[in-house]
Amino acid sequence: MSDSGLESDVCAHFGSCEYFTIVDVQDKAIENIEAVSNVSPDGEHNCAAPAIVLKSHNVDTVLVLGIGGRPLMSLAEKKIKVFAGATGKVSDAVQDYNNGLLQELSTTGTCNCSHH
């Protein structure tokens, strides 16, 4: 929801987040943290833009609370794994991921929004 790193709240809807918090984790230890704006490189809103932004930062795994089918497919096409169930602060989501508490998604979304 913000550029506050590990203290940022997890956004309830992947495509609506203002920032992505990129956390480099090695052997369950946090090595680096970076906040990246969720702005399309071409300035247009489209479902594939977040996947492009994330792949350009070498992201290979995304933790979400909710995500629509099209963004999920865009991430899958970029070989980015998606895990659902992230809640609370980013630090909570990373801890839950490290503890195996998040569920890896296939190419069906977890959002019931009417616009997906």
Protein backbone atom coordinates (compact mmCIF):
# COMPACT_ATOMS: atom_id res chain seq x y z
CA MET A 1 0.00 0.00 0.00
CA SER A 2 2.97 2.34 0.54
CA ASP A 3 6.71 2.61 0.11
CA SER A 4 7.34 1.71 3.79
CA GLY A 5 9.09 -1.56 3.03
CA LEU A 6 8.42 -4.36 5.50
CA GLU A 7 6.09 -2.08 7.50
CA SER A 8 3.82 -1.45 4.52
CA ASP A 9 0.35 -3.02 4.61
CA VAL A 10 -0.37 -5.74 2.06
CA CYS A 11 -2.87 -4.44 -0.50
CA ALA A 12 -6.07 -6.46 -0.76
CA HIS A 13 -6.02 -6.34 -4.56
CA PHE A 14 -2.79 -6.87 -6.51
CA GLY A 15 -3.61 -4.52 -9.42
CA SER A 16 -4.64 -1.65 -7.14
CA CYS A 17 -1.48 -1.45 -5.07
CA GLU A 18 0.52 1.76 -5.29
CA TYR A 19 3.86 0.07 -4.64
CA PHE A 20 5.46 -3.34 -4.76
CA THR A 21 7.85 -4.17 -1.94
CA ILE A 22 10.61 -6.30 -3.40
CA VAL A 23 12.24 -8.44 -0.75
CA ASP A 24 15.35 -10.43 -1.61
CA VAL A 25 15.29 -13.57 0.53
CA GLN A 26 18.15 -16.06 0.69
CA ASP A 27 17.76 -19.15 2.91
CA LYS A 28 14.78 -17.47 4.64
CA ALA A 29 16.91 -14.44 5.56
CA ILE A 30 16.07 -11.00 4.18
CA GLU A 31 19.03 -9.66 2.17
CA ASN A 32 17.56 -6.50 0.62
CA ILE A 33 14.32 -4.49 0.48
CA GLU A 34 13.19 -2.10 -2.27
CA ALA A 35 9.89 -0.30 -2.91
CA VAL A 36 8.92 0.06 -6.58
CA SER A 37 6.02 2.12 -7.89
CA ASN A 38 3.24 0.20 -9.64
CA VAL A 39 3.24 2.44 -12.69
CA SER A 40 3.03 1.04 -16.19
CA PRO A 41 6.14 1.74 -18.30
CA ASP A 42 3.88 3.08 -21.07
CA GLY A 43 1.67 5.12 -18.73
CA GLU A 44 -1.42 3.08 -19.63
CA HIS A 45 -3.39 0.84 -17.28
CA ASN A 46 -3.27 -2.76 -18.41
CA CYS A 47 -3.25 -6.10 -16.66
CA ALA A 48 0.20 -7.05 -17.95
CA ALA A 49 2.00 -3.92 -16.73
CA PRO A 50 2.74 -5.16 -13.18
CA ALA A 51 4.30 -8.35 -14.56
CA ILE A 52 6.57 -6.27 -16.80
CA VAL A 53 7.59 -4.01 -13.91
CA LEU A 54 8.26 -6.94 -11.59
CA LYS A 55 10.19 -8.98 -14.17
CA SER A 56 12.38 -5.93 -14.88
CA HIS A 57 13.41 -6.12 -11.20
CA ASN A 58 14.20 -9.87 -11.44
CA VAL A 59 11.22 -10.88 -9.29
CA ASP A 60 10.49 -14.62 -9.41
CA THR A 61 7.78 -14.90 -6.72
CA VAL A 62 4.85 -12.65 -5.77
CA LEU A 63 2.85 -12.79 -2.54
CA VAL A 64 -0.76 -11.57 -2.83
CA LEU A 65 -4.01 -11.44 -0.95
CA GLY A 66 -6.18 -11.19 -4.08
CA ILE A 67 -5.48 -11.18 -7.81
CA GLY A 68 -7.57 -11.40 -10.97
CA GLY A 69 -7.17 -14.01 -13.66
CA ARG A 70 -5.56 -11.81 -16.31
CA PRO A 71 -2.82 -10.40 -14.06
CA LEU A 72 -2.18 -13.91 -12.76
CA MET A 73 -1.76 -15.19 -16.32
CA SER A 74 0.59 -12.29 -17.13
CA LEU A 75 2.77 -13.18 -14.17
CA ALA A 76 2.75 -16.88 -15.13
CA GLU A 77 3.82 -15.97 -18.68
CA LYS A 78 6.84 -14.18 -17.17
CA LYS A 79 7.61 -17.31 -15.08
CA ILE A 80 6.74 -15.50 -11.84
CA LYS A 81 5.18 -17.76 -9.20
CA VAL A 82 2.20 -16.38 -7.24
CA PHE A 83 1.30 -17.30 -3.67
CA ALA A 84 -2.03 -16.26 -2.11
CA GLY A 85 -2.97 -15.62 1.49
CA ALA A 86 -0.64 -12.70 2.23
CA THR A 87 -2.14 -10.45 4.91
CA GLY A 88 -1.07 -7.84 7.42
CA LYS A 89 2.27 -6.14 6.89
CA VAL A 90 4.77 -7.14 4.21
CA SER A 91 6.93 -8.56 7.01
CA ASP A 92 4.01 -10.86 7.99
CA ALA A 93 3.58 -12.03 4.40
CA VAL A 94 7.28 -12.83 4.03
CA GLN A 95 7.26 -14.74 7.32
CA ASP A 96 4.16 -16.70 6.28
CA TYR A 97 5.77 -17.51 2.92
CA ASN A 98 8.99 -18.67 4.61
CA ASN A 99 6.91 -20.86 6.93
CA GLY A 100 5.02 -22.47 4.03
CA LEU A 101 1.66 -20.97 4.99
CA LEU A 102 0.80 -19.40 1.61
CA GLN A 103 -0.81 -21.30 -1.27
CA GLU A 104 0.75 -21.30 -4.74
CA LEU A 105 -1.82 -20.37 -7.38
CA SER A 106 -2.33 -21.84 -10.81
CA THR A 107 -3.71 -19.68 -13.63
CA THR A 108 -7.08 -19.05 -11.96
CA GLY A 109 -7.42 -15.87 -9.92
CA THR A 110 -8.52 -15.39 -6.35
CA CYS A 111 -10.53 -12.24 -6.94
CA ASN A 112 -14.27 -12.19 -7.48
CA CYS A 113 -14.34 -8.63 -8.83
CA SER A 114 -16.83 -8.04 -11.63
CA HIS A 115 -14.25 -6.39 -13.88
CA HIS A 116 -12.09 -9.56 -14.23
